[in-house]
Amino acid sequence: MDDDFSPHRWEIEVWHEWLRVSPTGAELRAWWTDERTDRTGPDDEERHRERLAEILTRAAPRDCAALGLGCSRRVDRPCRDPRLCRQDPPAGSRLRSGPVPGACSSFIDCWSPLGLRVKFSGNDRHRAVHLRLGPPVDPVGVWVDGVRIAPDLWLDESGYWLDDRFYVVEASGPDDHPEQLIPSMGHLGCSIMTVVVHDVERATTQVLVPEAGENWTWPVLRVTDGTFRVYADEAALEADTPDRILPAAPPVRSRPRHG
């Protein structure tokens, strides 16, 4: 990565101890310092960025913090209290915003053209990675626990977790929707959005496409009583008037052991 863009230019000595005991963190740092002398075309560059996504799907929050990425505390600067954030998080900790032991639960790179965001679920069990696969006009790839989701859709650069099980991200809506305007000043250049939901327990992805009359301008998904509820926007959420209610797959139960 060009030194002008690499977030690791904020070298913090205190993180070296963590990198010595984190093979993934050291591997992640090596990716950033790779001079990329063997990449001569867009295909090579895309594979190189996919390699970054693969490393990040194994990374811990402290690996991201040690790299110098912005976090939920301050997206535009690296960790400012590494002596605290490098400590082990307490057992059973939920989503974190630092400075806090274990570092924050979300990270963003504001300094490069990668469009990189990493979002961890509670207890750091799962992670979602958003990464632009080429120049700023190219689409964003999204990986959840190493699975690339909805690769044929134009996905948003960020998303959110529901119940530490479902990862939700918006995508550009259908061209033939009666209220769709393309190009638009709205989100992703569209006025109507699609909702993509990935279930980490079942490793399955659902694509919820709005029908005529479902004007999903800023859709919000919630899980209530075993159902997905899709709201057209924040106002519909506040009024509790979902456009669509559909069953959510039940949790995967562990099989009892015998003998």
C-alpha atoms as a PDB file:
ATOM      1  CA  MET A   1       0.000   0.000   0.000  1.00  0.00           C
ATOM      2  CA  ASP A   2       1.308   3.458  -0.893  1.00  0.00           C
ATOM      3  CA  ASP A   3       2.732   5.169   2.211  1.00  0.00           C
ATOM      4  CA  ASP A   4       0.511   8.166   1.480  1.00  0.00           C
ATOM      5  CA  PHE A   5      -2.554   6.008   2.089  1.00  0.00           C
ATOM      6  CA  SER A   6      -1.398   3.355   4.568  1.00  0.00           C
ATOM      7  CA  PRO A   7      -3.018   3.877   7.968  1.00  0.00           C
ATOM      8  CA  HIS A   8       0.022   2.186   9.480  1.00  0.00           C
ATOM      9  CA  ARG A   9       1.964   5.407   9.062  1.00  0.00           C
ATOM     10  CA  TRP A  10       0.765   6.066  12.645  1.00  0.00           C
ATOM     11  CA  GLU A  11       3.209   3.544  14.030  1.00  0.00           C
ATOM     12  CA  ILE A  12       2.482   2.976  17.721  1.00  0.00           C
ATOM     13  CA  GLU A  13       5.217   1.165  19.578  1.00  0.00           C
ATOM     14  CA  VAL A  14       2.890  -0.282  22.174  1.00  0.00           C
ATOM     15  CA  TRP A  15       1.081  -2.417  19.568  1.00  0.00           C
ATOM     16  CA  HIS A  16       4.282  -4.316  18.717  1.00  0.00           C
ATOM     17  CA  GLU A  17       3.760  -6.603  21.711  1.00  0.00           C
ATOM     18  CA  TRP A  18       0.313  -7.545  20.404  1.00  0.00           C
ATOM     19  CA  LEU A  19       1.584  -8.157  16.868  1.00  0.00           C
ATOM     20  CA  ARG A  20       4.231 -10.535  18.208  1.00  0.00           C
ATOM     21  CA  VAL A  21       1.518 -12.843  19.572  1.00  0.00           C
ATOM     22  CA  SER A  22      -1.031 -12.389  16.755  1.00  0.00           C
ATOM     23  CA  PRO A  23      -0.062 -14.152  13.505  1.00  0.00           C
ATOM     24  CA  THR A  24      -3.111 -12.698  11.764  1.00  0.00           C
ATOM     25  CA  GLY A  25      -2.238  -9.193  12.919  1.00  0.00           C
ATOM     26  CA  ALA A  26       1.297  -9.603  11.585  1.00  0.00           C
ATOM     27  CA  GLU A  27      -0.073 -10.955   8.297  1.00  0.00           C
ATOM     28  CA  LEU A  28      -2.431  -8.003   8.032  1.00  0.00           C
ATOM     29  CA  ARG A  29       0.416  -5.574   8.602  1.00  0.00           C
ATOM     30  CA  ALA A  30       2.470  -7.341   5.916  1.00  0.00           C
ATOM     31  CA  TRP A  31      -0.360  -6.811   3.419  1.00  0.00           C
ATOM     32  CA  TRP A  32      -0.286  -3.053   4.076  1.00  0.00           C
ATOM     33  CA  THR A  33       3.480  -2.837   3.626  1.00  0.00           C
ATOM     34  CA  ASP A  34       3.488  -4.908   0.413  1.00  0.00           C
ATOM     35  CA  GLU A  35       4.870  -2.746  -2.392  1.00  0.00           C
ATOM     36  CA  ARG A  36       2.750  -4.615  -4.970  1.00  0.00           C
ATOM     37  CA  THR A  37       5.538  -4.957  -7.518  1.00  0.00           C
ATOM     38  CA  ASP A  38       3.972  -8.110  -8.999  1.00  0.00           C
ATOM     39  CA  ARG A  39       0.547  -6.637  -9.831  1.00  0.00           C
ATOM     40  CA  THR A  40       0.317  -5.341 -13.374  1.00  0.00           C
ATOM     41  CA  GLY A  41      -3.412  -5.196 -14.113  1.00  0.00           C
ATOM     42  CA  PRO A  42      -6.902  -4.808 -12.618  1.00  0.00           C
ATOM     43  CA  ASP A  43      -7.329  -8.575 -12.164  1.00  0.00           C
ATOM     44  CA  ASP A  44      -4.145  -8.772 -10.100  1.00  0.00           C
ATOM     45  CA  GLU A  45      -5.254  -5.803  -8.030  1.00  0.00           C
ATOM     46  CA  GLU A  46      -8.696  -7.318  -7.389  1.00  0.00           C
ATOM     47  CA  ARG A  47      -7.146 -10.602  -6.249  1.00  0.00           C
ATOM     48  CA  HIS A  48      -4.796  -8.665  -3.994  1.00  0.00           C
ATOM     49  CA  ARG A  49      -7.730  -6.876  -2.360  1.00  0.00           C
ATOM     50  CA  GLU A  50      -9.643 -10.136  -2.019  1.00  0.00           C
ATOM     51  CA  ARG A  51      -6.613 -11.418  -0.128  1.00  0.00           C
ATOM     52  CA  LEU A  52      -7.035  -8.518   2.291  1.00  0.00           C
ATOM     53  CA  ALA A  53     -10.690  -9.486   2.791  1.00  0.00           C
ATOM     54  CA  GLU A  54      -9.654 -13.069   3.526  1.00  0.00           C
ATOM     55  CA  ILE A  55      -7.152 -11.945   6.168  1.00  0.00           C
ATOM     56  CA  LEU A  56      -9.690  -9.624   7.776  1.00  0.00           C
ATOM     57  CA  THR A  57     -12.244 -12.420   8.114  1.00  0.00           C
ATOM     58  CA  ARG A  58      -9.768 -14.037  10.535  1.00  0.00           C
ATOM     59  CA  ALA A  59      -8.738 -10.833  12.279  1.00  0.00           C
ATOM     60  CA  ALA A  60      -9.556  -9.741  15.816  1.00  0.00           C
ATOM     61  CA  PRO A  61     -10.500  -6.169  16.714  1.00  0.00           C
ATOM     62  CA  ARG A  62      -7.029  -5.618  18.162  1.00  0.00           C
ATOM     63  CA  ASP A  63      -5.485  -6.590  14.813  1.00  0.00           C
ATOM     64  CA  CYS A  64      -7.501  -3.816  13.155  1.00  0.00           C
ATOM     65  CA  ALA A  65      -6.599  -1.334  15.876  1.00  0.00           C
ATOM     66  CA  ALA A  66      -2.908  -2.210  15.628  1.00  0.00           C
ATOM     67  CA  LEU A  67      -3.042  -1.484  11.899  1.00  0.00           C
ATOM     68  CA  GLY A  68      -4.071   2.092  12.627  1.00  0.00           C
ATOM     69  CA  LEU A  69      -7.617   1.999  11.257  1.00  0.00           C
ATOM     70  CA  GLY A  70     -10.165   4.483  12.532  1.00  0.00           C
ATOM     71  CA  CYS A  71     -12.675   3.050  14.995  1.00  0.00           C
ATOM     72  CA  SER A  72     -16.134   3.724  16.367  1.00  0.00           C
ATOM     73  CA  ARG A  73     -14.600   6.212  18.804  1.00  0.00           C
ATOM     74  CA  ARG A  74     -12.960   8.334  16.088  1.00  0.00           C
ATOM     75  CA  VAL A  75     -13.223   7.202  12.472  1.00  0.00           C
ATOM     76  CA  ASP A  76     -10.592   9.676  11.288  1.00  0.00           C
ATOM     77  CA  ARG A  77      -7.699   8.618  13.520  1.00  0.00           C
ATOM     78  CA  PRO A  78      -6.104   5.450  14.919  1.00  0.00           C
ATOM     79  CA  CYS A  79      -6.458   4.153  18.455  1.00  0.00           C
ATOM     80  CA  ARG A  80      -5.322   6.775  20.946  1.00  0.00           C
ATOM     81  CA  ASP A  81      -5.197   4.532  24.021  1.00  0.00           C
ATOM     82  CA  PRO A  82      -3.496   1.319  22.860  1.00  0.00           C
ATOM     83  CA  ARG A  83      -2.281   0.432  26.350  1.00  0.00           C
ATOM     84  CA  LEU A  84      -5.913  -0.017  27.374  1.00  0.00           C
ATOM     85  CA  CYS A  85      -7.322  -1.330  24.093  1.00  0.00           C
ATOM     86  CA  ARG A  86      -4.660  -4.037  23.680  1.00  0.00           C
ATOM     87  CA  GLN A  87      -5.822  -5.718  26.926  1.00  0.00           C
ATOM     88  CA  ASP A  88      -8.107  -8.761  26.822  1.00  0.00           C
ATOM     89  CA  PRO A  89     -11.821  -7.896  26.772  1.00  0.00           C
ATOM     90  CA  PRO A  90     -13.988  -9.103  29.664  1.00  0.00           C
ATOM     91  CA  ALA A  91     -15.864 -12.356  29.125  1.00  0.00           C
ATOM     92  CA  GLY A  92     -19.300 -11.897  27.635  1.00  0.00           C
ATOM     93  CA  SER A  93     -18.599  -8.371  26.396  1.00  0.00           C
ATOM     94  CA  ARG A  94     -20.988  -6.981  23.812  1.00  0.00           C
ATOM     95  CA  LEU A  95     -20.406  -4.352  21.147  1.00  0.00           C
ATOM     96  CA  ARG A  96     -17.663  -2.010  22.281  1.00  0.00           C
ATOM     97  CA  SER A  97     -16.743   1.612  21.688  1.00  0.00           C
ATOM     98  CA  GLY A  98     -13.373   2.528  23.124  1.00  0.00           C
ATOM     99  CA  PRO A  99     -11.126   3.202  24.646  1.00  0.00           C
ATOM    100  CA  VAL A 100     -11.912  -0.172  26.168  1.00  0.00           C
ATOM    101  CA  PRO A 101     -10.109  -3.507  26.676  1.00  0.00           C
ATOM    102  CA  GLY A 102     -10.288  -5.537  23.475  1.00  0.00           C
ATOM    103  CA  ALA A 103     -10.619  -2.418  21.257  1.00  0.00           C
ATOM    104  CA  CYS A 104     -13.730  -1.216  19.439  1.00  0.00           C
ATOM    105  CA  SER A 105     -16.176  -3.403  17.516  1.00  0.00           C
ATOM    106  CA  SER A 106     -16.062  -1.496  14.219  1.00  0.00           C
ATOM    107  CA  PHE A 107     -13.301   0.001  12.099  1.00  0.00           C
ATOM    108  CA  ILE A 108     -13.004   2.179   9.017  1.00  0.00           C
ATOM    109  CA  ASP A 109     -10.180   3.303   6.759  1.00  0.00           C
ATOM    110  CA  CYS A 110     -10.708   6.967   5.881  1.00  0.00           C
ATOM    111  CA  TRP A 111      -7.329   7.444   4.229  1.00  0.00           C
ATOM    112  CA  SER A 112      -7.199   5.135   1.215  1.00  0.00           C
ATOM    113  CA  PRO A 113      -9.385   4.341  -1.822  1.00  0.00           C
ATOM    114  CA  LEU A 114     -10.211   0.897  -0.406  1.00  0.00           C
ATOM    115  CA  GLY A 115     -13.550   1.839   1.157  1.00  0.00           C
ATOM    116  CA  LEU A 116     -12.636  -0.570   3.960  1.00  0.00           C
ATOM    117  CA  ARG A 117     -14.982  -1.193   6.887  1.00  0.00           C
ATOM    118  CA  VAL A 118     -14.923  -4.035   9.402  1.00  0.00           C
ATOM    119  CA  LYS A 119     -17.833  -4.702  11.760  1.00  0.00           C
ATOM    120  CA  PHE A 120     -17.709  -7.307  14.524  1.00  0.00           C
ATOM    121  CA  SER A 121     -20.722  -8.860  16.214  1.00  0.00           C
ATOM    122  CA  GLY A 122     -21.026  -9.225  19.982  1.00  0.00           C
ATOM    123  CA  ASN A 123     -18.240 -11.247  21.610  1.00  0.00           C
ATOM    124  CA  ASP A 124     -16.274 -10.792  18.340  1.00  0.00           C
ATOM    125  CA  ARG A 125     -17.666 -14.115  17.103  1.00  0.00           C
ATOM    126  CA  HIS A 126     -18.471 -12.888  13.604  1.00  0.00           C
ATOM    127  CA  ARG A 127     -17.188 -10.160  11.363  1.00  0.00           C
ATOM    128  CA  ALA A 128     -18.312  -8.427   8.192  1.00  0.00           C
ATOM    129  CA  VAL A 129     -15.836  -6.846   5.781  1.00  0.00           C
ATOM    130  CA  HIS A 130     -16.717  -4.194   3.185  1.00  0.00           C
ATOM    131  CA  LEU A 131     -14.032  -3.547   0.583  1.00  0.00           C
ATOM    132  CA  ARG A 132     -14.021  -1.707  -2.732  1.00  0.00           C
ATOM    133  CA  LEU A 133     -12.578  -4.004  -5.389  1.00  0.00           C
ATOM    134  CA  GLY A 134     -11.180  -1.310  -7.660  1.00  0.00           C
ATOM    135  CA  PRO A 135     -11.283   2.458  -8.196  1.00  0.00           C
ATOM    136  CA  PRO A 136     -13.833   4.516  -6.233  1.00  0.00           C
ATOM    137  CA  VAL A 137     -16.487   4.000  -8.931  1.00  0.00           C
ATOM    138  CA  ASP A 138     -16.243   0.196  -8.677  1.00  0.00           C
ATOM    139  CA  PRO A 139     -18.663  -1.903  -6.600  1.00  0.00           C
ATOM    140  CA  VAL A 140     -18.065  -2.944  -3.011  1.00  0.00           C
ATOM    141  CA  GLY A 141     -17.514  -6.569  -2.066  1.00  0.00           C
ATOM    142  CA  VAL A 142     -18.932  -7.763   1.265  1.00  0.00           C
ATOM    143  CA  TRP A 143     -17.697 -10.825   3.142  1.00  0.00           C
ATOM    144  CA  VAL A 144     -19.316 -12.225   6.287  1.00  0.00           C
ATOM    145  CA  ASP A 145     -17.235 -14.824   8.112  1.00  0.00           C
ATOM    146  CA  GLY A 146     -15.307 -15.351   4.887  1.00  0.00           C
ATOM    147  CA  VAL A 147     -18.386 -15.839   2.686  1.00  0.00           C
ATOM    148  CA  ARG A 148     -18.816 -13.243  -0.034  1.00  0.00           C
ATOM    149  CA  ILE A 149     -22.490 -12.269  -0.157  1.00  0.00           C
ATOM    150  CA  ALA A 150     -24.591 -11.089  -3.110  1.00  0.00           C
ATOM    151  CA  PRO A 151     -21.622 -10.578  -5.467  1.00  0.00           C
ATOM    152  CA  ASP A 152     -23.904  -9.632  -8.374  1.00  0.00           C
ATOM    153  CA  LEU A 153     -25.518  -6.695  -6.539  1.00  0.00           C
ATOM    154  CA  TRP A 154     -24.328  -3.131  -6.019  1.00  0.00           C
ATOM    155  CA  LEU A 155     -23.886  -3.145  -2.240  1.00  0.00           C
ATOM    156  CA  ASP A 156     -23.572  -0.371   0.314  1.00  0.00           C
ATOM    157  CA  GLU A 157     -20.237   0.409   1.937  1.00  0.00           C
ATOM    158  CA  SER A 158     -21.615  -0.355   5.405  1.00  0.00           C
ATOM    159  CA  GLY A 159     -24.185  -2.542   7.171  1.00  0.00           C
ATOM    160  CA  TYR A 160     -25.309  -3.624  10.652  1.00  0.00           C
ATOM    161  CA  TRP A 161     -25.763  -6.681  12.852  1.00  0.00           C
ATOM    162  CA  LEU A 162     -29.079  -7.939  14.217  1.00  0.00           C
ATOM    163  CA  ASP A 163     -29.110 -10.291  17.218  1.00  0.00           C
ATOM    164  CA  ASP A 164     -25.432 -11.150  16.568  1.00  0.00           C
ATOM    165  CA  ARG A 165     -26.718 -13.518  13.882  1.00  0.00           C
ATOM    166  CA  PHE A 166     -27.984 -11.572  10.870  1.00  0.00           C
ATOM    167  CA  TYR A 167     -25.897  -9.110   8.909  1.00  0.00           C
ATOM    168  CA  VAL A 168     -27.927  -6.565   6.955  1.00  0.00           C
ATOM    169  CA  VAL A 169     -26.699  -4.440   4.063  1.00  0.00           C
ATOM    170  CA  GLU A 170     -28.560  -2.331   1.528  1.00  0.00           C
ATOM    171  CA  ALA A 171     -28.202  -2.747  -2.234  1.00  0.00           C
ATOM    172  CA  SER A 172     -29.429  -0.778  -5.212  1.00  0.00           C
ATOM    173  CA  GLY A 173     -33.104  -1.493  -5.873  1.00  0.00           C
ATOM    174  CA  PRO A 174     -34.749  -2.842  -9.030  1.00  0.00           C
ATOM    175  CA  ASP A 175     -34.606  -0.668 -12.143  1.00  0.00           C
ATOM    176  CA  ASP A 176     -38.231  -1.451 -13.005  1.00  0.00           C
ATOM    177  CA  HIS A 177     -39.711  -0.309  -9.685  1.00  0.00           C
ATOM    178  CA  PRO A 178     -42.297   2.417 -10.455  1.00  0.00           C
ATOM    179  CA  GLU A 179     -40.700   4.844  -7.969  1.00  0.00           C
ATOM    180  CA  GLN A 180     -37.107   4.128  -8.937  1.00  0.00           C
ATOM    181  CA  LEU A 181     -35.025   7.062 -10.150  1.00  0.00           C
ATOM    182  CA  ILE A 182     -31.581   6.346 -11.620  1.00  0.00           C
ATOM    183  CA  PRO A 183     -29.379   8.294 -11.353  1.00  0.00           C
ATOM    184  CA  SER A 184     -30.647   9.798  -8.152  1.00  0.00           C
ATOM    185  CA  MET A 185     -29.263  11.979  -5.393  1.00  0.00           C
ATOM    186  CA  GLY A 186     -30.367   9.218  -3.028  1.00  0.00           C
ATOM    187  CA  HIS A 187     -28.404   6.368  -1.513  1.00  0.00           C
ATOM    188  CA  LEU A 188     -26.172   4.417  -3.978  1.00  0.00           C
ATOM    189  CA  GLY A 189     -27.491   6.610  -6.776  1.00  0.00           C
ATOM    190  CA  CYS A 190     -30.960   5.080  -6.379  1.00  0.00           C
ATOM    191  CA  SER A 191     -34.214   6.214  -4.840  1.00  0.00           C
ATOM    192  CA  ILE A 192     -35.440   2.670  -4.021  1.00  0.00           C
ATOM    193  CA  MET A 193     -33.292   0.099  -2.209  1.00  0.00           C
ATOM    194  CA  THR A 194     -33.090  -3.673  -1.850  1.00  0.00           C
ATOM    195  CA  VAL A 195     -32.256  -5.367   1.491  1.00  0.00           C
ATOM    196  CA  VAL A 196     -29.702  -8.188   1.751  1.00  0.00           C
ATOM    197  CA  VAL A 197     -29.672 -10.371   4.898  1.00  0.00           C
ATOM    198  CA  HIS A 198     -26.982 -12.933   5.679  1.00  0.00           C
ATOM    199  CA  ASP A 199     -27.610 -15.565   8.373  1.00  0.00           C
ATOM    200  CA  VAL A 200     -24.262 -16.551   9.899  1.00  0.00           C
ATOM    201  CA  GLU A 201     -25.708 -19.606  11.672  1.00  0.00           C
ATOM    202  CA  ARG A 202     -27.003 -21.131   8.451  1.00  0.00           C
ATOM    203  CA  ALA A 203     -24.527 -19.477   6.056  1.00  0.00           C
ATOM    204  CA  THR A 204     -27.427 -18.414   3.831  1.00  0.00           C
ATOM    205  CA  THR A 205     -28.273 -15.092   2.211  1.00  0.00           C
ATOM    206  CA  GLN A 206     -31.707 -13.639   1.448  1.00  0.00           C
ATOM    207  CA  VAL A 207     -32.292 -10.798  -1.002  1.00  0.00           C
ATOM    208  CA  LEU A 208     -35.486  -8.868  -0.228  1.00  0.00           C
ATOM    209  CA  VAL A 209     -36.593  -6.935  -3.313  1.00  0.00           C
ATOM    210  CA  PRO A 210     -39.314  -4.280  -2.923  1.00  0.00           C
ATOM    211  CA  GLU A 211     -42.483  -4.756  -4.907  1.00  0.00           C
ATOM    212  CA  ALA A 212     -44.557  -1.987  -6.468  1.00  0.00           C
ATOM    213  CA  GLY A 213     -46.055  -0.040  -3.572  1.00  0.00           C
ATOM    214  CA  GLU A 214     -43.130  -0.860  -1.269  1.00  0.00           C
ATOM    215  CA  ASN A 215     -41.139   2.356  -1.416  1.00  0.00           C
ATOM    216  CA  TRP A 216     -37.984   1.367   0.448  1.00  0.00           C
ATOM    217  CA  THR A 217     -36.081   4.634   0.358  1.00  0.00           C
ATOM    218  CA  TRP A 218     -34.094   4.042   3.581  1.00  0.00           C
ATOM    219  CA  PRO A 219     -35.186   0.519   4.584  1.00  0.00           C
ATOM    220  CA  VAL A 220     -34.757  -0.755   8.132  1.00  0.00           C
ATOM    221  CA  LEU A 221     -34.909  -4.443   9.087  1.00  0.00           C
ATOM    222  CA  ARG A 222     -35.851  -5.712  12.537  1.00  0.00           C
ATOM    223  CA  VAL A 223     -36.302  -9.206  14.001  1.00  0.00           C
ATOM    224  CA  THR A 224     -39.406  -9.566  16.178  1.00  0.00           C
ATOM    225  CA  ASP A 225     -40.998 -12.783  17.504  1.00  0.00           C
ATOM    226  CA  GLY A 226     -39.293 -14.967  14.921  1.00  0.00           C
ATOM    227  CA  THR A 227     -40.125 -12.707  11.983  1.00  0.00           C
ATOM    228  CA  PHE A 228     -38.326 -10.219   9.786  1.00  0.00           C
ATOM    229  CA  ARG A 229     -40.067  -6.856   9.594  1.00  0.00           C
ATOM    230  CA  VAL A 230     -39.058  -4.555   6.760  1.00  0.00           C
ATOM    231  CA  TYR A 231     -39.784  -0.857   7.250  1.00  0.00           C
ATOM    232  CA  ALA A 232     -39.606   1.580   4.345  1.00  0.00           C
ATOM    233  CA  ASP A 233     -37.703   4.176   6.379  1.00  0.00           C
ATOM    234  CA  GLU A 234     -37.083   5.444   9.911  1.00  0.00           C
ATOM    235  CA  ALA A 235     -40.503   7.115  10.068  1.00  0.00           C
ATOM    236  CA  ALA A 236     -42.200   3.789   9.319  1.00  0.00           C
ATOM    237  CA  LEU A 237     -40.073   2.144  12.007  1.00  0.00           C
ATOM    238  CA  GLU A 238     -41.104   4.733  14.591  1.00  0.00           C
ATOM    239  CA  ALA A 239     -44.760   4.258  13.619  1.00  0.00           C
ATOM    240  CA  ASP A 240     -44.308   0.441  13.612  1.00  0.00           C
ATOM    241  CA  THR A 241     -45.837   0.111  10.137  1.00  0.00           C
ATOM    242  CA  PRO A 242     -43.786  -2.546   8.340  1.00  0.00           C
ATOM    243  CA  ASP A 243     -44.202  -2.978   4.602  1.00  0.00           C
ATOM    244  CA  ARG A 244     -43.462  -6.667   4.839  1.00  0.00           C
ATOM    245  CA  ILE A 245     -43.409  -9.373   7.526  1.00  0.00           C
ATOM    246  CA  LEU A 246     -41.858 -12.740   6.768  1.00  0.00           C
ATOM    247  CA  PRO A 247     -40.593 -15.646   8.867  1.00  0.00           C
ATOM    248  CA  ALA A 248     -36.996 -15.669  10.037  1.00  0.00           C
ATOM    249  CA  ALA A 249     -35.361 -19.088  10.087  1.00  0.00           C
ATOM    250  CA  PRO A 250     -35.176 -20.462  13.637  1.00  0.00           C
ATOM    251  CA  PRO A 251     -31.756 -20.687  15.287  1.00  0.00           C
ATOM    252  CA  VAL A 252     -29.708 -23.780  14.582  1.00  0.00           C
ATOM    253  CA  ARG A 253     -29.853 -25.969  17.669  1.00  0.00           C
ATOM    254  CA  SER A 254     -26.930 -28.125  18.704  1.00  0.00           C
ATOM    255  CA  ARG A 255     -27.646 -31.819  18.363  1.00  0.00           C
ATOM    256  CA  PRO A 256     -27.612 -33.693  21.682  1.00  0.00           C
ATOM    257  CA  ARG A 257     -24.681 -35.982  22.210  1.00  0.00           C
ATOM    258  CA  HIS A 258     -25.326 -39.656  22.861  1.00  0.00           C
ATOM    259  CA  GLY A 259     -23.249 -42.176  24.681  1.00  0.00           C
END
